[in-house]
Amino acid sequence: MTSREYNVLFLCNSNSARSIMAECAMNRWGRGKFKGFSAGSHPKGAIHPLTIELLSEFNYETKDLRSKSWDEFASPGSPQFDFVVTVCDQAAAEQCPVWPGKPTVAHWGVTDPATFEGTDEEKRRFFLRIYRELENRIKIFTSLRIDALDSFALKQRLEEIGRTNLSDSSER
């Protein structure tokens, strides 16, 4: 097993909820093996308050999190990405960003919790459901033996993870 740390960029449109949650979960569950980053094609400039609340409840450090453009990662000196995962929801007709270069790219579409309408408690439960779905996918991803898979098999496996609905049904 290699000791190399892989860089993973999670992309969505606004970088205010889904990609931020995924970045945090990747840094927790992939510690030492994966480093998570997030960005948006059209960042809101602020993280959704429920995202911060939820991540804080799970003991994530949130003070340095911010909504940012993917342009920050296209400049010289930026991290080289091994994986780019889009988390925008194609079912909602969102335009997912495309990342140039040679990283393995996968799509893990999840509904944007920031657009969910309902009571405060319903919104909170929905944010939690989306977080759990992303976290569970990331747990599977971080358990893969990356060094044992060729690039085609790896891309196939990442796409399979993205098609799996892994949210905790007890949280719905």
N, C-alpha and C. Protein backbone atom coordinates (compact mmCIF):
# COMPACT_ATOMS: atom_id res chain seq x y z
N MET A 1 0.85 -1.18 0.00
CA MET A 1 0.00 0.00 0.00
C MET A 1 0.89 1.23 0.00
N THR A 2 0.57 2.17 -0.83
CA THR A 2 1.36 3.39 -0.93
C THR A 2 1.02 4.37 0.19
N SER A 3 1.99 5.20 0.55
CA SER A 3 1.75 6.20 1.59
C SER A 3 1.40 7.54 0.98
N ARG A 4 1.22 7.58 -0.30
CA ARG A 4 0.90 8.80 -1.02
C ARG A 4 -0.47 9.33 -0.59
N GLU A 5 -0.58 10.65 -0.45
CA GLU A 5 -1.87 11.27 -0.15
C GLU A 5 -2.47 11.80 -1.46
N TYR A 6 -3.72 11.42 -1.73
CA TYR A 6 -4.41 11.82 -2.94
C TYR A 6 -5.25 13.06 -2.68
N ASN A 7 -5.22 14.01 -3.63
CA ASN A 7 -6.03 15.22 -3.53
C ASN A 7 -7.35 15.02 -4.26
N VAL A 8 -8.44 15.36 -3.56
CA VAL A 8 -9.79 15.19 -4.10
C VAL A 8 -10.51 16.54 -4.06
N LEU A 9 -11.00 16.98 -5.20
CA LEU A 9 -11.75 18.23 -5.29
C LEU A 9 -13.22 17.90 -5.49
N PHE A 10 -14.07 18.42 -4.61
CA PHE A 10 -15.51 18.28 -4.73
C PHE A 10 -16.07 19.58 -5.31
N LEU A 11 -16.81 19.45 -6.40
CA LEU A 11 -17.35 20.62 -7.09
C LEU A 11 -18.87 20.62 -7.10
N CYS A 12 -19.44 21.79 -6.90
CA CYS A 12 -20.86 22.01 -7.17
C CYS A 12 -20.97 23.43 -7.67
N ASN A 13 -22.17 23.92 -7.78
CA ASN A 13 -22.35 25.26 -8.31
C ASN A 13 -22.03 26.35 -7.31
N SER A 14 -22.66 26.31 -6.14
CA SER A 14 -22.55 27.44 -5.21
C SER A 14 -21.51 27.26 -4.11
N ASN A 15 -21.00 26.07 -3.89
CA ASN A 15 -20.01 25.79 -2.85
C ASN A 15 -20.47 26.36 -1.51
N SER A 16 -21.72 26.03 -1.16
CA SER A 16 -22.25 26.51 0.12
C SER A 16 -22.77 25.39 1.02
N ALA A 17 -22.91 24.18 0.48
CA ALA A 17 -23.44 23.08 1.30
C ALA A 17 -22.78 21.75 0.91
N ARG A 18 -23.22 21.14 -0.19
CA ARG A 18 -22.79 19.78 -0.55
C ARG A 18 -21.28 19.61 -0.65
N SER A 19 -20.63 20.44 -1.44
CA SER A 19 -19.19 20.26 -1.64
C SER A 19 -18.42 20.57 -0.36
N ILE A 20 -18.91 21.50 0.45
CA ILE A 20 -18.28 21.81 1.74
C ILE A 20 -18.39 20.60 2.67
N MET A 21 -19.59 19.98 2.73
CA MET A 21 -19.78 18.79 3.56
C MET A 21 -18.85 17.67 3.10
N ALA A 22 -18.75 17.49 1.79
CA ALA A 22 -17.91 16.43 1.25
C ALA A 22 -16.43 16.67 1.56
N GLU A 23 -15.99 17.91 1.45
CA GLU A 23 -14.61 18.25 1.79
C GLU A 23 -14.30 17.87 3.23
N CYS A 24 -15.18 18.25 4.13
CA CYS A 24 -14.97 17.96 5.55
C CYS A 24 -14.97 16.46 5.82
N ALA A 25 -15.93 15.75 5.24
CA ALA A 25 -16.00 14.30 5.46
C ALA A 25 -14.78 13.60 4.87
N MET A 26 -14.31 14.05 3.72
CA MET A 26 -13.12 13.44 3.12
C MET A 26 -11.90 13.65 4.01
N ASN A 27 -11.78 14.84 4.57
CA ASN A 27 -10.62 15.11 5.44
C ASN A 27 -10.68 14.32 6.74
N ARG A 28 -11.88 13.98 7.18
CA ARG A 28 -12.01 13.15 8.38
C ARG A 28 -11.76 11.68 8.05
N TRP A 29 -12.49 11.12 7.10
CA TRP A 29 -12.44 9.69 6.83
C TRP A 29 -11.25 9.27 5.97
N GLY A 30 -10.66 10.22 5.26
CA GLY A 30 -9.51 9.90 4.41
C GLY A 30 -8.19 10.36 4.99
N ARG A 31 -8.19 10.77 6.23
CA ARG A 31 -6.99 11.34 6.86
C ARG A 31 -5.76 10.47 6.60
N GLY A 32 -4.72 11.12 6.08
CA GLY A 32 -3.47 10.43 5.79
C GLY A 32 -3.42 9.78 4.43
N LYS A 33 -4.57 9.57 3.82
CA LYS A 33 -4.64 8.92 2.50
C LYS A 33 -5.23 9.87 1.45
N PHE A 34 -6.19 10.71 1.88
CA PHE A 34 -6.85 11.65 0.98
C PHE A 34 -6.91 13.02 1.63
N LYS A 35 -6.81 14.05 0.81
CA LYS A 35 -6.99 15.43 1.26
C LYS A 35 -8.12 16.02 0.44
N GLY A 36 -9.18 16.49 1.13
CA GLY A 36 -10.34 17.03 0.45
C GLY A 36 -10.29 18.54 0.28
N PHE A 37 -10.84 18.99 -0.83
CA PHE A 37 -10.98 20.40 -1.17
C PHE A 37 -12.38 20.59 -1.75
N SER A 38 -12.86 21.82 -1.80
CA SER A 38 -14.15 22.07 -2.44
C SER A 38 -14.13 23.42 -3.12
N ALA A 39 -15.00 23.54 -4.12
CA ALA A 39 -15.13 24.80 -4.85
C ALA A 39 -16.44 24.77 -5.63
N GLY A 40 -16.78 25.93 -6.19
CA GLY A 40 -17.99 26.03 -6.99
C GLY A 40 -17.75 26.77 -8.28
N SER A 41 -18.57 26.48 -9.28
CA SER A 41 -18.47 27.19 -10.55
C SER A 41 -19.04 28.60 -10.42
N HIS A 42 -20.02 28.77 -9.54
CA HIS A 42 -20.64 30.08 -9.26
C HIS A 42 -20.85 30.20 -7.76
N PRO A 43 -19.76 30.34 -6.99
CA PRO A 43 -19.87 30.31 -5.53
C PRO A 43 -20.75 31.41 -4.97
N LYS A 44 -21.50 31.07 -3.93
CA LYS A 44 -22.37 32.03 -3.25
C LYS A 44 -21.57 33.07 -2.48
N GLY A 45 -20.35 32.71 -2.07
CA GLY A 45 -19.55 33.62 -1.28
C GLY A 45 -19.75 33.43 0.21
N ALA A 46 -20.71 32.60 0.58
CA ALA A 46 -20.98 32.30 1.99
C ALA A 46 -21.47 30.86 2.09
N ILE A 47 -21.11 30.23 3.18
CA ILE A 47 -21.58 28.87 3.43
C ILE A 47 -22.95 28.95 4.08
N HIS A 48 -23.84 28.08 3.67
CA HIS A 48 -25.19 28.06 4.23
C HIS A 48 -25.10 27.84 5.74
N PRO A 49 -25.85 28.61 6.53
CA PRO A 49 -25.80 28.48 7.99
C PRO A 49 -26.09 27.06 8.51
N LEU A 50 -26.99 26.33 7.85
CA LEU A 50 -27.27 24.97 8.29
C LEU A 50 -26.10 24.02 8.03
N THR A 51 -25.31 24.32 7.02
CA THR A 51 -24.11 23.53 6.77
C THR A 51 -23.14 23.70 7.94
N ILE A 52 -22.92 24.93 8.33
CA ILE A 52 -22.02 25.22 9.46
C ILE A 52 -22.55 24.59 10.74
N GLU A 53 -23.85 24.74 10.97
CA GLU A 53 -24.46 24.18 12.18
C GLU A 53 -24.28 22.67 12.25
N LEU A 54 -24.57 21.99 11.14
CA LEU A 54 -24.47 20.54 11.09
C LEU A 54 -23.02 20.08 11.28
N LEU A 55 -22.11 20.70 10.57
CA LEU A 55 -20.70 20.31 10.68
C LEU A 55 -20.17 20.56 12.09
N SER A 56 -20.59 21.64 12.70
CA SER A 56 -20.19 21.93 14.08
C SER A 56 -20.70 20.85 15.04
N GLU A 57 -21.95 20.41 14.82
CA GLU A 57 -22.52 19.35 15.66
C GLU A 57 -21.71 18.06 15.58
N PHE A 58 -21.08 17.83 14.43
CA PHE A 58 -20.27 16.63 14.23
C PHE A 58 -18.79 16.89 14.54
N ASN A 59 -18.53 17.98 15.23
CA ASN A 59 -17.18 18.33 15.69
C ASN A 59 -16.18 18.59 14.58
N TYR A 60 -16.64 19.13 13.47
CA TYR A 60 -15.72 19.59 12.44
C TYR A 60 -15.28 21.00 12.79
N GLU A 61 -14.05 21.32 12.46
CA GLU A 61 -13.56 22.69 12.61
C GLU A 61 -14.08 23.48 11.40
N THR A 62 -14.83 24.54 11.65
CA THR A 62 -15.48 25.26 10.55
C THR A 62 -14.95 26.67 10.33
N LYS A 63 -14.08 27.15 11.21
CA LYS A 63 -13.69 28.57 11.13
C LYS A 63 -12.95 28.93 9.83
N ASP A 64 -12.25 27.98 9.23
CA ASP A 64 -11.51 28.29 8.00
C ASP A 64 -12.26 27.91 6.72
N LEU A 65 -13.46 27.38 6.86
CA LEU A 65 -14.23 27.01 5.68
C LEU A 65 -14.76 28.28 5.01
N ARG A 66 -14.79 28.25 3.67
CA ARG A 66 -15.35 29.38 2.93
C ARG A 66 -15.82 28.91 1.56
N SER A 67 -16.76 29.65 1.03
CA SER A 67 -17.27 29.39 -0.31
C SER A 67 -16.29 30.03 -1.30
N LYS A 68 -15.81 29.23 -2.26
CA LYS A 68 -14.80 29.74 -3.17
C LYS A 68 -15.01 29.23 -4.59
N SER A 69 -14.42 29.94 -5.51
CA SER A 69 -14.50 29.57 -6.92
C SER A 69 -13.47 28.52 -7.27
N TRP A 70 -13.83 27.68 -8.21
CA TRP A 70 -12.88 26.69 -8.69
C TRP A 70 -11.69 27.33 -9.39
N ASP A 71 -11.82 28.62 -9.77
CA ASP A 71 -10.71 29.34 -10.39
C ASP A 71 -9.49 29.38 -9.47
N GLU A 72 -9.71 29.34 -8.16
CA GLU A 72 -8.59 29.35 -7.21
C GLU A 72 -7.68 28.14 -7.41
N PHE A 73 -8.22 27.06 -7.94
CA PHE A 73 -7.44 25.84 -8.09
C PHE A 73 -6.88 25.67 -9.50
N ALA A 74 -7.09 26.67 -10.35
CA ALA A 74 -6.61 26.60 -11.72
C ALA A 74 -5.32 27.40 -11.92
N SER A 75 -4.84 28.04 -10.86
CA SER A 75 -3.65 28.88 -10.97
C SER A 75 -2.39 28.08 -10.67
N PRO A 76 -1.24 28.58 -11.14
CA PRO A 76 0.03 27.90 -10.83
C PRO A 76 0.23 27.81 -9.32
N GLY A 77 0.78 26.69 -8.88
CA GLY A 77 1.02 26.48 -7.46
C GLY A 77 -0.16 25.87 -6.73
N SER A 78 -1.28 25.72 -7.40
CA SER A 78 -2.45 25.08 -6.79
C SER A 78 -2.21 23.59 -6.68
N PRO A 79 -2.90 22.93 -5.77
CA PRO A 79 -2.75 21.48 -5.66
C PRO A 79 -3.10 20.79 -6.98
N GLN A 80 -2.40 19.73 -7.29
CA GLN A 80 -2.75 18.87 -8.42
C GLN A 80 -3.79 17.88 -7.91
N PHE A 81 -4.88 17.73 -8.64
CA PHE A 81 -5.94 16.85 -8.18
C PHE A 81 -5.86 15.49 -8.86
N ASP A 82 -6.00 14.47 -8.01
CA ASP A 82 -6.04 13.10 -8.49
C ASP A 82 -7.47 12.71 -8.84
N PHE A 83 -8.43 13.32 -8.12
CA PHE A 83 -9.84 13.02 -8.31
C PHE A 83 -10.63 14.32 -8.25
N VAL A 84 -11.63 14.41 -9.12
CA VAL A 84 -12.59 15.51 -9.08
C VAL A 84 -13.97 14.88 -9.08
N VAL A 85 -14.76 15.22 -8.07
CA VAL A 85 -16.09 14.64 -7.92
C VAL A 85 -17.11 15.77 -7.94
N THR A 86 -18.01 15.74 -8.92
CA THR A 86 -19.10 16.72 -8.95
C THR A 86 -20.24 16.17 -8.11
N VAL A 87 -20.85 17.04 -7.32
CA VAL A 87 -21.94 16.62 -6.45
C VAL A 87 -23.24 17.34 -6.78
N CYS A 88 -23.27 18.07 -7.89
CA CYS A 88 -24.50 18.75 -8.28
C CYS A 88 -25.54 17.72 -8.74
N ASP A 89 -26.78 18.12 -8.66
CA ASP A 89 -27.90 17.21 -8.92
C ASP A 89 -28.42 17.37 -10.34
N GLN A 90 -28.06 16.45 -11.20
CA GLN A 90 -28.51 16.54 -12.59
C GLN A 90 -30.02 16.43 -12.70
N ALA A 91 -30.65 15.74 -11.77
CA ALA A 91 -32.10 15.60 -11.80
C ALA A 91 -32.78 16.95 -11.62
N ALA A 92 -32.10 17.87 -10.97
CA ALA A 92 -32.67 19.21 -10.75
C ALA A 92 -32.27 20.15 -11.88
N ALA A 93 -31.74 19.61 -12.95
CA ALA A 93 -31.33 20.37 -14.13
C ALA A 93 -30.23 21.38 -13.83
N GLU A 94 -29.40 21.08 -12.85
CA GLU A 94 -28.26 21.93 -12.57
C GLU A 94 -27.17 21.66 -13.59
N GLN A 95 -26.45 22.68 -13.95
CA GLN A 95 -25.30 22.54 -14.83
C GLN A 95 -24.09 22.20 -13.96
N CYS A 96 -23.53 21.02 -14.13
CA CYS A 96 -22.37 20.62 -13.35
C CYS A 96 -21.10 21.17 -13.98
N PRO A 97 -20.17 21.63 -13.15
CA PRO A 97 -18.91 22.12 -13.70
C PRO A 97 -18.08 20.99 -14.30
N VAL A 98 -17.24 21.34 -15.23
CA VAL A 98 -16.33 20.39 -15.85
C VAL A 98 -14.92 20.80 -15.46
N TRP A 99 -14.09 19.83 -15.06
CA TRP A 99 -12.74 20.15 -14.61
C TRP A 99 -11.73 19.69 -15.65
N PRO A 100 -10.86 20.61 -16.10
CA PRO A 100 -9.84 20.22 -17.09
C PRO A 100 -8.69 19.45 -16.44
N GLY A 101 -7.90 18.81 -17.26
CA GLY A 101 -6.73 18.11 -16.76
C GLY A 101 -6.89 16.61 -16.78
N LYS A 102 -6.10 15.93 -15.98
CA LYS A 102 -6.06 14.48 -16.02
C LYS A 102 -6.54 13.77 -14.76
N PRO A 103 -7.28 14.43 -13.88
CA PRO A 103 -7.76 13.69 -12.71
C PRO A 103 -8.84 12.69 -13.10
N THR A 104 -9.04 11.70 -12.26
CA THR A 104 -10.18 10.80 -12.43
C THR A 104 -11.41 11.58 -12.00
N VAL A 105 -12.39 11.65 -12.89
CA VAL A 105 -13.59 12.47 -12.65
C VAL A 105 -14.79 11.55 -12.47
N ALA A 106 -15.61 11.89 -11.47
CA ALA A 106 -16.83 11.12 -11.22
C ALA A 106 -17.94 12.07 -10.84
N HIS A 107 -19.16 11.60 -11.01
CA HIS A 107 -20.34 12.40 -10.65
C HIS A 107 -21.12 11.67 -9.56
N TRP A 108 -21.33 12.37 -8.44
CA TRP A 108 -22.12 11.85 -7.32
C TRP A 108 -23.27 12.80 -7.06
N GLY A 109 -24.21 12.88 -7.95
CA GLY A 109 -25.30 13.84 -7.82
C GLY A 109 -26.12 13.67 -6.55
N VAL A 110 -26.24 14.75 -5.82
CA VAL A 110 -27.13 14.80 -4.65
C VAL A 110 -27.90 16.11 -4.71
N THR A 111 -29.10 16.09 -4.19
CA THR A 111 -29.94 17.28 -4.18
C THR A 111 -29.32 18.37 -3.32
N ASP A 112 -29.44 19.59 -3.77
CA ASP A 112 -28.90 20.72 -3.03
C ASP A 112 -29.79 21.01 -1.83
N PRO A 113 -29.30 20.79 -0.60
CA PRO A 113 -30.14 21.03 0.56
C PRO A 113 -30.46 22.51 0.75
N ALA A 114 -29.64 23.38 0.19
CA ALA A 114 -29.87 24.83 0.33
C ALA A 114 -31.15 25.27 -0.38
N THR A 115 -31.64 24.46 -1.31
CA THR A 115 -32.86 24.82 -2.03
C THR A 115 -34.10 24.14 -1.46
N PHE A 116 -33.91 23.30 -0.44
CA PHE A 116 -35.03 22.57 0.15
C PHE A 116 -35.96 23.53 0.89
N GLU A 117 -37.25 23.36 0.69
CA GLU A 117 -38.24 24.20 1.37
C GLU A 117 -39.01 23.36 2.37
N GLY A 118 -39.23 23.93 3.53
CA GLY A 118 -39.96 23.25 4.59
C GLY A 118 -39.76 23.99 5.90
N THR A 119 -40.20 23.36 6.97
CA THR A 119 -40.01 23.96 8.29
C THR A 119 -38.53 23.92 8.64
N ASP A 120 -38.14 24.63 9.67
CA ASP A 120 -36.74 24.61 10.10
C ASP A 120 -36.28 23.20 10.42
N GLU A 121 -37.13 22.43 11.10
CA GLU A 121 -36.77 21.05 11.46
C GLU A 121 -36.67 20.16 10.21
N GLU A 122 -37.57 20.34 9.25
CA GLU A 122 -37.50 19.57 8.01
C GLU A 122 -36.23 19.91 7.23
N LYS A 123 -35.87 21.17 7.20
CA LYS A 123 -34.63 21.58 6.52
C LYS A 123 -33.42 20.95 7.19
N ARG A 124 -33.41 21.00 8.52
CA ARG A 124 -32.29 20.41 9.26
C ARG A 124 -32.16 18.91 8.96
N ARG A 125 -33.29 18.21 8.97
CA ARG A 125 -33.27 16.77 8.67
C ARG A 125 -32.80 16.51 7.24
N PHE A 126 -33.18 17.38 6.32
CA PHE A 126 -32.77 17.20 4.94
C PHE A 126 -31.27 17.43 4.79
N PHE A 127 -30.72 18.45 5.43
CA PHE A 127 -29.28 18.68 5.42
C PHE A 127 -28.55 17.46 5.98
N LEU A 128 -29.08 16.91 7.07
CA LEU A 128 -28.48 15.73 7.69
C LEU A 128 -28.51 14.55 6.73
N ARG A 129 -29.61 14.35 6.03
CA ARG A 129 -29.72 13.25 5.08
C ARG A 129 -28.68 13.38 3.97
N ILE A 130 -28.52 14.60 3.45
CA ILE A 130 -27.53 14.82 2.38
C ILE A 130 -26.12 14.60 2.90
N TYR A 131 -25.85 15.09 4.11
CA TYR A 131 -24.53 14.87 4.71
C TYR A 131 -24.26 13.38 4.84
N ARG A 132 -25.21 12.63 5.38
CA ARG A 132 -25.02 11.18 5.58
C ARG A 132 -24.78 10.46 4.25
N GLU A 133 -25.50 10.87 3.22
CA GLU A 133 -25.32 10.23 1.91
C GLU A 133 -23.90 10.47 1.41
N LEU A 134 -23.43 11.71 1.50
CA LEU A 134 -22.07 12.02 1.07
C LEU A 134 -21.03 11.31 1.94
N GLU A 135 -21.25 11.35 3.24
CA GLU A 135 -20.31 10.72 4.17
C GLU A 135 -20.19 9.22 3.89
N ASN A 136 -21.30 8.55 3.67
CA ASN A 136 -21.27 7.11 3.40
C ASN A 136 -20.56 6.80 2.09
N ARG A 137 -20.77 7.62 1.06
CA ARG A 137 -20.05 7.42 -0.20
C ARG A 137 -18.55 7.62 0.02
N ILE A 138 -18.20 8.62 0.80
CA ILE A 138 -16.79 8.90 1.06
C ILE A 138 -16.15 7.77 1.86
N LYS A 139 -16.86 7.19 2.79
CA LYS A 139 -16.33 6.05 3.53
C LYS A 139 -16.00 4.89 2.59
N ILE A 140 -16.88 4.65 1.62
CA ILE A 140 -16.61 3.59 0.64
C ILE A 140 -15.40 3.97 -0.21
N PHE A 141 -15.37 5.21 -0.69
CA PHE A 141 -14.27 5.69 -1.52
C PHE A 141 -12.93 5.55 -0.79
N THR A 142 -12.87 5.98 0.45
CA THR A 142 -11.61 5.94 1.19
C THR A 142 -11.17 4.52 1.55
N SER A 143 -12.08 3.57 1.44
CA SER A 143 -11.71 2.18 1.72
C SER A 143 -11.20 1.45 0.48
N LEU A 144 -11.30 2.07 -0.70
CA LEU A 144 -10.81 1.43 -1.92
C LEU A 144 -9.30 1.27 -1.89
N ARG A 145 -8.84 0.21 -2.48
CA ARG A 145 -7.40 0.01 -2.66
C ARG A 145 -7.03 0.65 -3.98
N ILE A 146 -6.77 1.94 -3.93
CA ILE A 146 -6.49 2.73 -5.13
C ILE A 146 -5.35 2.13 -5.94
N ASP A 147 -4.30 1.70 -5.25
CA ASP A 147 -3.12 1.15 -5.94
C ASP A 147 -3.39 -0.18 -6.62
N ALA A 148 -4.50 -0.84 -6.30
CA ALA A 148 -4.81 -2.14 -6.89
C ALA A 148 -5.75 -2.02 -8.10
N LEU A 149 -6.19 -0.80 -8.42
CA LEU A 149 -7.13 -0.59 -9.52
C LEU A 149 -6.47 0.18 -10.66
N ASP A 150 -6.73 -0.26 -11.89
CA ASP A 150 -6.26 0.55 -13.02
C ASP A 150 -7.21 1.74 -13.17
N SER A 151 -6.84 2.71 -13.98
CA SER A 151 -7.62 3.95 -14.06
C SER A 151 -9.06 3.71 -14.54
N PHE A 152 -9.25 2.76 -15.45
CA PHE A 152 -10.60 2.47 -15.92
C PHE A 152 -11.46 1.88 -14.80
N ALA A 153 -10.92 0.90 -14.09
CA ALA A 153 -11.65 0.25 -12.99
C ALA A 153 -11.92 1.25 -11.87
N LEU A 154 -10.97 2.12 -11.62
CA LEU A 154 -11.15 3.12 -10.58
C LEU A 154 -12.28 4.08 -10.93
N LYS A 155 -12.29 4.57 -12.17
CA LYS A 155 -13.36 5.48 -12.59
C LYS A 155 -14.70 4.77 -12.52
N GLN A 156 -14.75 3.54 -12.96
CA GLN A 156 -16.00 2.76 -12.90
C GLN A 156 -16.48 2.62 -11.46
N ARG A 157 -15.58 2.33 -10.57
CA ARG A 157 -15.95 2.14 -9.15
C ARG A 157 -16.45 3.45 -8.55
N LEU A 158 -15.81 4.56 -8.86
CA LEU A 158 -16.25 5.86 -8.35
C LEU A 158 -17.64 6.23 -8.87
N GLU A 159 -17.89 5.92 -10.13
CA GLU A 159 -19.22 6.18 -10.70
C GLU A 159 -20.28 5.31 -10.03
N GLU A 160 -19.94 4.05 -9.75
CA GLU A 160 -20.87 3.16 -9.03
C GLU A 160 -21.20 3.72 -7.65
N ILE A 161 -20.21 4.21 -6.96
CA ILE A 161 -20.44 4.80 -5.64
C ILE A 161 -21.42 5.96 -5.76
N GLY A 162 -21.27 6.76 -6.81
CA GLY A 162 -22.16 7.90 -7.02
C GLY A 162 -23.59 7.53 -7.35
N ARG A 163 -23.81 6.33 -7.84
CA ARG A 163 -25.18 5.89 -8.16
C ARG A 163 -25.86 5.19 -6.99
N THR A 164 -25.12 5.00 -5.93
CA THR A 164 -25.65 4.29 -4.77
C THR A 164 -26.29 5.26 -3.81
N ASN A 165 -27.54 4.99 -3.40
CA ASN A 165 -28.21 5.81 -2.41
C ASN A 165 -27.89 5.21 -1.05
N LEU A 166 -27.03 5.90 -0.31
CA LEU A 166 -26.52 5.37 0.93
C LEU A 166 -26.94 6.20 2.14
N SER A 167 -27.93 7.04 1.99
CA SER A 167 -28.32 7.85 3.16
C SER A 167 -28.92 6.96 4.22
N ASP A 168 -28.78 7.37 5.43
CA ASP A 168 -29.33 6.62 6.58
C ASP A 168 -30.84 6.81 6.58
N SER A 169 -31.57 5.76 6.29
CA SER A 169 -33.02 5.88 6.17
C SER A 169 -33.69 6.30 7.47
N SER A 170 -33.04 6.08 8.61
CA SER A 170 -33.64 6.48 9.88
C SER A 170 -33.62 7.99 10.08
N GLU A 171 -32.85 8.70 9.25
CA GLU A 171 -32.75 10.15 9.37
C GLU A 171 -33.72 10.87 8.46
N ARG A 172 -34.48 10.16 7.68
CA ARG A 172 -35.37 10.81 6.70
C ARG A 172 -36.61 11.36 7.34
